[in-house]
Full PDB file with SEQRES, HELIX, SHEET, SSBOND, CRYST1, ORIGX, SCALE, CONECT and MASTER records, all heavy atoms in Angstrom:
SEQRES   1 A   36  HIS THR SER ALA SER THR GLN GLY GLN ILE TYR ILE PRO          
SEQRES   2 A   36  VAL ILE ASN TRP LEU LEU MET ALA ALA VAL ILE LEU LEU          
SEQRES   3 A   36  VAL LEU MET PHE GLN ASN SER SER SER LEU                      
HELIX    1 AA1 PRO A   13  PHE A   30  1                                  18    
CRYST1    1.000    1.000    1.000  90.00  90.00  90.00 P 1           1          
ORIGX1      1.000000  0.000000  0.000000        0.00000                         
ORIGX2      0.000000  1.000000  0.000000        0.00000                         
ORIGX3      0.000000  0.000000  1.000000        0.00000                         
SCALE1      1.000000  0.000000  0.000000        0.00000                         
SCALE2      0.000000  1.000000  0.000000        0.00000                         
SCALE3      0.000000  0.000000  1.000000        0.00000                         
ATOM      1  N   HIS A   1     -15.065  30.471  10.118  1.00  0.00           N  
ATOM      2  CA  HIS A   1     -13.839  30.568   9.293  1.00  0.00           C  
ATOM      3  C   HIS A   1     -12.671  29.955  10.087  1.00  0.00           C  
ATOM      4  O   HIS A   1     -12.406  30.334  11.217  1.00  0.00           O  
ATOM      5  CB  HIS A   1     -13.560  32.026   8.915  1.00  0.00           C  
ATOM      6  CG  HIS A   1     -14.537  32.549   7.922  1.00  0.00           C  
ATOM      7  ND1 HIS A   1     -14.279  32.680   6.572  1.00  0.00           N  
ATOM      8  CD2 HIS A   1     -15.824  32.962   8.082  1.00  0.00           C  
ATOM      9  CE1 HIS A   1     -15.361  33.134   5.956  1.00  0.00           C  
ATOM     10  NE2 HIS A   1     -16.284  33.312   6.844  1.00  0.00           N  
ATOM     11  N   THR A   2     -12.020  28.988   9.456  1.00  0.00           N  
ATOM     12  CA  THR A   2     -10.958  28.242  10.154  1.00  0.00           C  
ATOM     13  C   THR A   2      -9.580  28.763   9.862  1.00  0.00           C  
ATOM     14  O   THR A   2      -8.599  28.206  10.330  1.00  0.00           O  
ATOM     15  CB  THR A   2     -11.043  26.744   9.776  1.00  0.00           C  
ATOM     16  OG1 THR A   2     -10.910  26.623   8.330  1.00  0.00           O  
ATOM     17  CG2 THR A   2     -12.374  26.168  10.195  1.00  0.00           C  
ATOM     18  N   SER A   3      -9.484  29.785   9.026  1.00  0.00           N  
ATOM     19  CA  SER A   3      -8.185  30.365   8.712  1.00  0.00           C  
ATOM     20  C   SER A   3      -8.298  31.878   8.679  1.00  0.00           C  
ATOM     21  O   SER A   3      -9.225  32.419   8.045  1.00  0.00           O  
ATOM     22  CB  SER A   3      -7.668  29.844   7.358  1.00  0.00           C  
ATOM     23  OG  SER A   3      -6.489  30.522   6.957  1.00  0.00           O  
ATOM     24  N   ALA A   4      -7.366  32.548   9.357  1.00  0.00           N  
ATOM     25  CA  ALA A   4      -7.370  34.004   9.342  1.00  0.00           C  
ATOM     26  C   ALA A   4      -6.852  34.582   8.030  1.00  0.00           C  
ATOM     27  O   ALA A   4      -7.139  35.726   7.694  1.00  0.00           O  
ATOM     28  CB  ALA A   4      -6.521  34.542  10.537  1.00  0.00           C  
ATOM     29  N   SER A   5      -6.098  33.794   7.290  1.00  0.00           N  
ATOM     30  CA  SER A   5      -5.477  34.319   6.049  1.00  0.00           C  
ATOM     31  C   SER A   5      -6.148  33.842   4.788  1.00  0.00           C  
ATOM     32  O   SER A   5      -6.064  34.498   3.758  1.00  0.00           O  
ATOM     33  CB  SER A   5      -3.989  33.897   6.028  1.00  0.00           C  
ATOM     34  OG  SER A   5      -3.876  32.485   6.107  1.00  0.00           O  
ATOM     35  N   THR A   6      -6.821  32.666   4.817  1.00  0.00           N  
ATOM     36  CA  THR A   6      -7.438  32.127   3.617  1.00  0.00           C  
ATOM     37  C   THR A   6      -8.999  32.209   3.764  1.00  0.00           C  
ATOM     38  O   THR A   6      -9.564  31.528   4.620  1.00  0.00           O  
ATOM     39  CB  THR A   6      -7.039  30.663   3.412  1.00  0.00           C  
ATOM     40  OG1 THR A   6      -5.598  30.609   3.404  1.00  0.00           O  
ATOM     41  CG2 THR A   6      -7.573  30.140   2.088  1.00  0.00           C  
ATOM     42  N   GLN A   7      -9.595  33.039   2.921  1.00  0.00           N  
ATOM     43  CA  GLN A   7     -11.019  33.283   3.053  1.00  0.00           C  
ATOM     44  C   GLN A   7     -11.863  32.064   2.739  1.00  0.00           C  
ATOM     45  O   GLN A   7     -12.907  31.837   3.306  1.00  0.00           O  
ATOM     46  CB  GLN A   7     -11.417  34.408   2.076  1.00  0.00           C  
ATOM     47  CG  GLN A   7     -12.858  34.870   2.252  1.00  0.00           C  
ATOM     48  CD  GLN A   7     -13.157  36.085   1.393  1.00  0.00           C  
ATOM     49  OE1 GLN A   7     -12.365  36.503   0.575  1.00  0.00           O  
ATOM     50  NE2 GLN A   7     -14.307  36.672   1.606  1.00  0.00           N  
ATOM     51  N   GLY A   8     -11.377  31.202   1.847  1.00  0.00           N  
ATOM     52  CA  GLY A   8     -12.186  30.054   1.400  1.00  0.00           C  
ATOM     53  C   GLY A   8     -12.253  28.914   2.397  1.00  0.00           C  
ATOM     54  O   GLY A   8     -13.051  28.001   2.226  1.00  0.00           O  
ATOM     55  N   GLN A   9     -11.438  28.910   3.464  1.00  0.00           N  
ATOM     56  CA  GLN A   9     -11.443  27.818   4.427  1.00  0.00           C  
ATOM     57  C   GLN A   9     -12.523  28.056   5.462  1.00  0.00           C  
ATOM     58  O   GLN A   9     -12.346  28.855   6.404  1.00  0.00           O  
ATOM     59  CB  GLN A   9     -10.060  27.658   5.063  1.00  0.00           C  
ATOM     60  CG  GLN A   9      -9.026  27.118   4.098  1.00  0.00           C  
ATOM     61  CD  GLN A   9      -7.751  26.659   4.822  1.00  0.00           C  
ATOM     62  OE1 GLN A   9      -7.726  26.511   6.037  1.00  0.00           O  
ATOM     63  NE2 GLN A   9      -6.703  26.419   4.059  1.00  0.00           N  
ATOM     64  N   ILE A  10     -13.625  27.365   5.299  1.00  0.00           N  
ATOM     65  CA  ILE A  10     -14.784  27.537   6.209  1.00  0.00           C  
ATOM     66  C   ILE A  10     -15.226  26.226   6.742  1.00  0.00           C  
ATOM     67  O   ILE A  10     -14.883  25.152   6.224  1.00  0.00           O  
ATOM     68  CB  ILE A  10     -15.960  28.257   5.483  1.00  0.00           C  
ATOM     69  CG1 ILE A  10     -16.400  27.437   4.264  1.00  0.00           C  
ATOM     70  CG2 ILE A  10     -15.593  29.677   5.124  1.00  0.00           C  
ATOM     71  CD1 ILE A  10     -17.644  27.996   3.573  1.00  0.00           C  
ATOM     72  N   TYR A  11     -16.024  26.275   7.802  1.00  0.00           N  
ATOM     73  CA  TYR A  11     -16.590  25.089   8.422  1.00  0.00           C  
ATOM     74  C   TYR A  11     -18.031  25.369   8.747  1.00  0.00           C  
ATOM     75  O   TYR A  11     -18.381  26.373   9.376  1.00  0.00           O  
ATOM     76  CB  TYR A  11     -15.795  24.776   9.714  1.00  0.00           C  
ATOM     77  CG  TYR A  11     -16.439  23.747  10.630  1.00  0.00           C  
ATOM     78  CD1 TYR A  11     -16.576  22.438  10.212  1.00  0.00           C  
ATOM     79  CD2 TYR A  11     -16.895  24.098  11.896  1.00  0.00           C  
ATOM     80  CE1 TYR A  11     -17.154  21.497  11.048  1.00  0.00           C  
ATOM     81  CE2 TYR A  11     -17.471  23.166  12.740  1.00  0.00           C  
ATOM     82  CZ  TYR A  11     -17.604  21.858  12.304  1.00  0.00           C  
ATOM     83  OH  TYR A  11     -18.204  20.933  13.123  1.00  0.00           O  
ATOM     84  N   ILE A  12     -18.931  24.486   8.294  1.00  0.00           N  
ATOM     85  CA  ILE A  12     -20.376  24.630   8.529  1.00  0.00           C  
ATOM     86  C   ILE A  12     -20.807  23.448   9.366  1.00  0.00           C  
ATOM     87  O   ILE A  12     -20.961  22.327   8.816  1.00  0.00           O  
ATOM     88  CB  ILE A  12     -21.166  24.753   7.220  1.00  0.00           C  
ATOM     89  CG1 ILE A  12     -20.612  25.875   6.347  1.00  0.00           C  
ATOM     90  CG2 ILE A  12     -22.639  24.950   7.489  1.00  0.00           C  
ATOM     91  CD1 ILE A  12     -21.283  26.025   5.013  1.00  0.00           C  
ATOM     92  N   PRO A  13     -21.018  23.618  10.668  1.00  0.00           N  
ATOM     93  CA  PRO A  13     -21.257  22.474  11.552  1.00  0.00           C  
ATOM     94  C   PRO A  13     -22.417  21.558  11.125  1.00  0.00           C  
ATOM     95  O   PRO A  13     -22.248  20.335  11.093  1.00  0.00           O  
ATOM     96  CB  PRO A  13     -21.562  23.127  12.921  1.00  0.00           C  
ATOM     97  CG  PRO A  13     -20.852  24.447  12.868  1.00  0.00           C  
ATOM     98  CD  PRO A  13     -20.920  24.881  11.421  1.00  0.00           C  
ATOM     99  N   VAL A  14     -23.556  22.123  10.769  1.00  0.00           N  
ATOM    100  CA  VAL A  14     -24.714  21.273  10.453  1.00  0.00           C  
ATOM    101  C   VAL A  14     -24.451  20.424   9.205  1.00  0.00           C  
ATOM    102  O   VAL A  14     -24.835  19.235   9.155  1.00  0.00           O  
ATOM    103  CB  VAL A  14     -25.991  22.156  10.256  1.00  0.00           C  
ATOM    104  CG1 VAL A  14     -25.885  23.077   9.022  1.00  0.00           C  
ATOM    105  CG2 VAL A  14     -27.234  21.254  10.137  1.00  0.00           C  
ATOM    106  N   ILE A  15     -23.758  20.966   8.206  1.00  0.00           N  
ATOM    107  CA  ILE A  15     -23.425  20.196   7.016  1.00  0.00           C  
ATOM    108  C   ILE A  15     -22.422  19.097   7.364  1.00  0.00           C  
ATOM    109  O   ILE A  15     -22.522  17.946   6.901  1.00  0.00           O  
ATOM    110  CB  ILE A  15     -22.834  21.115   5.912  1.00  0.00           C  
ATOM    111  CG1 ILE A  15     -23.894  22.158   5.476  1.00  0.00           C  
ATOM    112  CG2 ILE A  15     -22.387  20.309   4.716  1.00  0.00           C  
ATOM    113  CD1 ILE A  15     -25.129  21.582   4.844  1.00  0.00           C  
ATOM    114  N   ASN A  16     -21.474  19.395   8.229  1.00  0.00           N  
ATOM    115  CA  ASN A  16     -20.448  18.434   8.618  1.00  0.00           C  
ATOM    116  C   ASN A  16     -21.092  17.227   9.315  1.00  0.00           C  
ATOM    117  O   ASN A  16     -20.782  16.058   8.949  1.00  0.00           O  
ATOM    118  CB  ASN A  16     -19.461  19.100   9.569  1.00  0.00           C  
ATOM    119  CG  ASN A  16     -18.268  18.195   9.900  1.00  0.00           C  
ATOM    120  OD1 ASN A  16     -17.485  17.838   9.057  1.00  0.00           O  
ATOM    121  ND2 ASN A  16     -18.158  17.836  11.195  1.00  0.00           N  
ATOM    122  N   TRP A  17     -21.989  17.483  10.269  1.00  0.00           N  
ATOM    123  CA  TRP A  17     -22.579  16.348  11.015  1.00  0.00           C  
ATOM    124  C   TRP A  17     -23.568  15.558  10.164  1.00  0.00           C  
ATOM    125  O   TRP A  17     -23.663  14.336  10.301  1.00  0.00           O  
ATOM    126  CB  TRP A  17     -23.235  16.856  12.298  1.00  0.00           C  
ATOM    127  CG  TRP A  17     -22.294  17.630  13.178  1.00  0.00           C  
ATOM    128  CD1 TRP A  17     -22.435  18.870  13.693  1.00  0.00           C  
ATOM    129  CD2 TRP A  17     -20.971  17.198  13.603  1.00  0.00           C  
ATOM    130  NE1 TRP A  17     -21.355  19.230  14.427  1.00  0.00           N  
ATOM    131  CE2 TRP A  17     -20.423  18.224  14.390  1.00  0.00           C  
ATOM    132  CE3 TRP A  17     -20.212  16.019  13.410  1.00  0.00           C  
ATOM    133  CZ2 TRP A  17     -19.169  18.155  14.959  1.00  0.00           C  
ATOM    134  CZ3 TRP A  17     -18.943  15.951  13.986  1.00  0.00           C  
ATOM    135  CH2 TRP A  17     -18.441  16.999  14.761  1.00  0.00           C  
ATOM    136  N   LEU A  18     -24.286  16.248   9.266  1.00  0.00           N  
ATOM    137  CA  LEU A  18     -25.188  15.523   8.363  1.00  0.00           C  
ATOM    138  C   LEU A  18     -24.400  14.620   7.419  1.00  0.00           C  
ATOM    139  O   LEU A  18     -24.784  13.478   7.165  1.00  0.00           O  
ATOM    140  CB  LEU A  18     -26.042  16.521   7.563  1.00  0.00           C  
ATOM    141  CG  LEU A  18     -27.197  17.192   8.326  1.00  0.00           C  
ATOM    142  CD1 LEU A  18     -27.835  18.255   7.418  1.00  0.00           C  
ATOM    143  CD2 LEU A  18     -28.226  16.159   8.745  1.00  0.00           C  
ATOM    144  N   LEU A  19     -23.299  15.157   6.876  1.00  0.00           N  
ATOM    145  CA  LEU A  19     -22.441  14.343   6.000  1.00  0.00           C  
ATOM    146  C   LEU A  19     -21.867  13.142   6.752  1.00  0.00           C  
ATOM    147  O   LEU A  19     -21.828  12.034   6.225  1.00  0.00           O  
ATOM    148  CB  LEU A  19     -21.295  15.181   5.419  1.00  0.00           C  
ATOM    149  CG  LEU A  19     -21.641  16.155   4.284  1.00  0.00           C  
ATOM    150  CD1 LEU A  19     -20.392  16.923   3.867  1.00  0.00           C  
ATOM    151  CD2 LEU A  19     -22.226  15.442   3.086  1.00  0.00           C  
ATOM    152  N   MET A  20     -21.407  13.385   7.984  1.00  0.00           N  
ATOM    153  CA  MET A  20     -20.787  12.295   8.752  1.00  0.00           C  
ATOM    154  C   MET A  20     -21.822  11.158   9.003  1.00  0.00           C  
ATOM    155  O   MET A  20     -21.546   9.978   8.813  1.00  0.00           O  
ATOM    156  CB  MET A  20     -20.281  12.791  10.093  1.00  0.00           C  
ATOM    157  CG  MET A  20     -19.533  11.714  10.872  1.00  0.00           C  
ATOM    158  SD  MET A  20     -18.907  12.232  12.482  1.00  0.00           S  
ATOM    159  CE  MET A  20     -20.387  12.034  13.468  1.00  0.00           C  
ATOM    160  N   ALA A  21     -23.038  11.563   9.386  1.00  0.00           N  
ATOM    161  CA  ALA A  21     -24.080  10.565   9.631  1.00  0.00           C  
ATOM    162  C   ALA A  21     -24.408   9.778   8.366  1.00  0.00           C  
ATOM    163  O   ALA A  21     -24.533   8.547   8.382  1.00  0.00           O  
ATOM    164  CB  ALA A  21     -25.348  11.261  10.154  1.00  0.00           C  
ATOM    165  N   ALA A  22     -24.483  10.489   7.232  1.00  0.00           N  
ATOM    166  CA  ALA A  22     -24.819   9.826   5.971  1.00  0.00           C  
ATOM    167  C   ALA A  22     -23.686   8.897   5.503  1.00  0.00           C  
ATOM    168  O   ALA A  22     -23.927   7.781   5.048  1.00  0.00           O  
ATOM    169  CB  ALA A  22     -25.087  10.857   4.892  1.00  0.00           C  
ATOM    170  N   VAL A  23     -22.439   9.334   5.652  1.00  0.00           N  
ATOM    171  CA  VAL A  23     -21.293   8.529   5.232  1.00  0.00           C  
ATOM    172  C   VAL A  23     -21.192   7.259   6.058  1.00  0.00           C  
ATOM    173  O   VAL A  23     -20.989   6.157   5.499  1.00  0.00           O  
ATOM    174  CB  VAL A  23     -19.994   9.345   5.323  1.00  0.00           C  
ATOM    175  CG1 VAL A  23     -18.762   8.476   5.158  1.00  0.00           C  
ATOM    176  CG2 VAL A  23     -19.975  10.443   4.267  1.00  0.00           C  
ATOM    177  N   ILE A  24     -21.310   7.370   7.362  1.00  0.00           N  
ATOM    178  CA  ILE A  24     -21.223   6.177   8.220  1.00  0.00           C  
ATOM    179  C   ILE A  24     -22.396   5.235   7.945  1.00  0.00           C  
ATOM    180  O   ILE A  24     -22.234   4.004   7.914  1.00  0.00           O  
ATOM    181  CB  ILE A  24     -21.169   6.590   9.697  1.00  0.00           C  
ATOM    182  CG1 ILE A  24     -19.840   7.322   9.960  1.00  0.00           C  
ATOM    183  CG2 ILE A  24     -21.304   5.387  10.612  1.00  0.00           C  
ATOM    184  CD1 ILE A  24     -19.731   7.911  11.335  1.00  0.00           C  
ATOM    185  N   LEU A  25     -23.606   5.798   7.713  1.00  0.00           N  
ATOM    186  CA  LEU A  25     -24.738   4.991   7.365  1.00  0.00           C  
ATOM    187  C   LEU A  25     -24.493   4.210   6.067  1.00  0.00           C  
ATOM    188  O   LEU A  25     -24.839   3.042   5.953  1.00  0.00           O  
ATOM    189  CB  LEU A  25     -25.981   5.872   7.204  1.00  0.00           C  
ATOM    190  CG  LEU A  25     -27.286   5.189   6.841  1.00  0.00           C  
ATOM    191  CD1 LEU A  25     -27.729   4.190   7.940  1.00  0.00           C  
ATOM    192  CD2 LEU A  25     -28.385   6.193   6.551  1.00  0.00           C  
ATOM    193  N   LEU A  26     -23.887   4.871   5.092  1.00  0.00           N  
ATOM    194  CA  LEU A  26     -23.563   4.206   3.818  1.00  0.00           C  
ATOM    195  C   LEU A  26     -22.605   3.044   4.010  1.00  0.00           C  
ATOM    196  O   LEU A  26     -22.807   1.960   3.451  1.00  0.00           O  
ATOM    197  CB  LEU A  26     -22.978   5.237   2.838  1.00  0.00           C  
ATOM    198  CG  LEU A  26     -23.893   6.139   2.072  1.00  0.00           C  
ATOM    199  CD1 LEU A  26     -23.155   7.266   1.390  1.00  0.00           C  
ATOM    200  CD2 LEU A  26     -24.695   5.338   1.040  1.00  0.00           C  
ATOM    201  N   VAL A  27     -21.565   3.272   4.818  1.00  0.00           N  
ATOM    202  CA  VAL A  27     -20.560   2.227   5.046  1.00  0.00           C  
ATOM    203  C   VAL A  27     -21.215   1.018   5.719  1.00  0.00           C  
ATOM    204  O   VAL A  27     -20.980  -0.134   5.336  1.00  0.00           O  
ATOM    205  CB  VAL A  27     -19.420   2.758   5.901  1.00  0.00           C  
ATOM    206  CG1 VAL A  27     -18.501   1.638   6.354  1.00  0.00           C  
ATOM    207  CG2 VAL A  27     -18.604   3.775   5.111  1.00  0.00           C  
ATOM    208  N   LEU A  28     -22.081   1.281   6.715  1.00  0.00           N  
ATOM    209  CA  LEU A  28     -22.731   0.157   7.432  1.00  0.00           C  
ATOM    210  C   LEU A  28     -23.777  -0.513   6.611  1.00  0.00           C  
ATOM    211  O   LEU A  28     -24.022  -1.718   6.739  1.00  0.00           O  
ATOM    212  CB  LEU A  28     -23.342   0.720   8.737  1.00  0.00           C  
ATOM    213  CG  LEU A  28     -22.347   1.283   9.766  1.00  0.00           C  
ATOM    214  CD1 LEU A  28     -23.073   1.809  10.980  1.00  0.00           C  
ATOM    215  CD2 LEU A  28     -21.312   0.211  10.167  1.00  0.00           C  
ATOM    216  N   MET A  29     -24.440   0.234   5.688  1.00  0.00           N  
ATOM    217  CA  MET A  29     -25.470  -0.353   4.840  1.00  0.00           C  
ATOM    218  C   MET A  29     -24.882  -1.239   3.753  1.00  0.00           C  
ATOM    219  O   MET A  29     -25.322  -2.359   3.508  1.00  0.00           O  
ATOM    220  CB  MET A  29     -26.311   0.742   4.167  1.00  0.00           C  
ATOM    221  CG  MET A  29     -27.393   1.348   5.017  1.00  0.00           C  
ATOM    222  SD  MET A  29     -28.201   2.756   4.173  1.00  0.00           S  
ATOM    223  CE  MET A  29     -28.692   2.004   2.617  1.00  0.00           C  
ATOM    224  N   PHE A  30     -23.819  -0.720   3.081  1.00  0.00           N  
ATOM    225  CA  PHE A  30     -23.305  -1.433   1.888  1.00  0.00           C  
ATOM    226  C   PHE A  30     -22.139  -2.375   2.215  1.00  0.00           C  
ATOM    227  O   PHE A  30     -21.814  -3.236   1.404  1.00  0.00           O  
ATOM    228  CB  PHE A  30     -22.877  -0.405   0.842  1.00  0.00           C  
ATOM    229  CG  PHE A  30     -24.044   0.279   0.197  1.00  0.00           C  
ATOM    230  CD1 PHE A  30     -24.529   1.473   0.675  1.00  0.00           C  
ATOM    231  CD2 PHE A  30     -24.671  -0.264  -0.918  1.00  0.00           C  
ATOM    232  CE1 PHE A  30     -25.621   2.132   0.093  1.00  0.00           C  
ATOM    233  CE2 PHE A  30     -25.739   0.366  -1.532  1.00  0.00           C  
ATOM    234  CZ  PHE A  30     -26.241   1.569  -1.036  1.00  0.00           C  
ATOM    235  N   GLN A  31     -21.477  -2.189   3.363  1.00  0.00           N  
ATOM    236  CA  GLN A  31     -20.508  -3.128   3.897  1.00  0.00           C  
ATOM    237  C   GLN A  31     -19.157  -3.192   3.164  1.00  0.00           C  
ATOM    238  O   GLN A  31     -18.135  -3.392   3.759  1.00  0.00           O  
ATOM    239  CB  GLN A  31     -21.071  -4.563   3.950  1.00  0.00           C  
ATOM    240  CG  GLN A  31     -22.319  -4.696   4.833  1.00  0.00           C  
ATOM    241  CD  GLN A  31     -22.026  -4.694   6.306  1.00  0.00           C  
ATOM    242  OE1 GLN A  31     -21.165  -5.429   6.781  1.00  0.00           O  
ATOM    243  NE2 GLN A  31     -22.719  -3.866   7.072  1.00  0.00           N  
ATOM    244  N   ASN A  32     -19.150  -3.013   1.827  1.00  0.00           N  
ATOM    245  CA  ASN A  32     -17.902  -3.085   1.089  1.00  0.00           C  
ATOM    246  C   ASN A  32     -17.928  -2.146  -0.104  1.00  0.00           C  
ATOM    247  O   ASN A  32     -18.980  -1.635  -0.487  1.00  0.00           O  
ATOM    248  CB  ASN A  32     -17.587  -4.518   0.613  1.00  0.00           C  
ATOM    249  CG  ASN A  32     -18.694  -5.073  -0.278  1.00  0.00           C  
ATOM    250  OD1 ASN A  32     -18.875  -4.620  -1.418  1.00  0.00           O  
ATOM    251  ND2 ASN A  32     -19.433  -6.048   0.237  1.00  0.00           N  
ATOM    252  N   SER A  33     -16.743  -1.854  -0.638  1.00  0.00           N  
ATOM    253  CA  SER A  33     -16.630  -0.828  -1.704  1.00  0.00           C  
ATOM    254  C   SER A  33     -17.300  -1.263  -2.997  1.00  0.00           C  
ATOM    255  O   SER A  33     -17.790  -0.444  -3.762  1.00  0.00           O  
ATOM    256  CB  SER A  33     -15.175  -0.491  -1.934  1.00  0.00           C  
ATOM    257  OG  SER A  33     -14.422  -1.615  -2.312  1.00  0.00           O  
ATOM    258  N   SER A  34     -17.352  -2.603  -3.268  1.00  0.00           N  
ATOM    259  CA  SER A  34     -18.002  -3.073  -4.505  1.00  0.00           C  
ATOM    260  C   SER A  34     -19.491  -2.774  -4.477  1.00  0.00           C  
ATOM    261  O   SER A  34     -20.069  -2.350  -5.490  1.00  0.00           O  
ATOM    262  CB  SER A  34     -17.763  -4.573  -4.699  1.00  0.00           C  
ATOM    263  OG  SER A  34     -16.452  -4.812  -5.147  1.00  0.00           O  
ATOM    264  N   SER A  35     -20.127  -2.981  -3.329  1.00  0.00           N  
ATOM    265  CA  SER A  35     -21.535  -2.665  -3.214  1.00  0.00           C  
ATOM    266  C   SER A  35     -21.768  -1.170  -3.304  1.00  0.00           C  
ATOM    267  O   SER A  35     -22.742  -0.703  -3.910  1.00  0.00           O  
ATOM    268  CB  SER A  35     -22.085  -3.196  -1.875  1.00  0.00           C  
ATOM    269  OG  SER A  35     -21.974  -4.597  -1.799  1.00  0.00           O  
ATOM    270  N   LEU A  36     -20.862  -0.389  -2.730  1.00  0.00           N  
ATOM    271  CA  LEU A  36     -20.995   1.097  -2.797  1.00  0.00           C  
ATOM    272  C   LEU A  36     -20.803   1.600  -4.218  1.00  0.00           C  
ATOM    273  O   LEU A  36     -21.367   2.625  -4.573  1.00  0.00           O  
ATOM    274  CB  LEU A  36     -19.939   1.734  -1.871  1.00  0.00           C  
ATOM    275  CG  LEU A  36     -20.427   2.155  -0.491  1.00  0.00           C  
ATOM    276  CD1 LEU A  36     -19.224   2.610   0.342  1.00  0.00           C  
ATOM    277  CD2 LEU A  36     -21.434   3.277  -0.583  1.00  0.00           C  
TER     278      LEU A  36                                                      
MASTER        0    0    0    1    0    0    0    6  277    1    0    3          
END                                                                             
């Protein structure tokens, strides 16, 4: 939990790093926004 006052603000490390890897892979694979 990243906020002491707001219950909904959470951080899940494994989801964060999986998303980051997938997003960067997408950018490098498709190269531009039109292809994406």
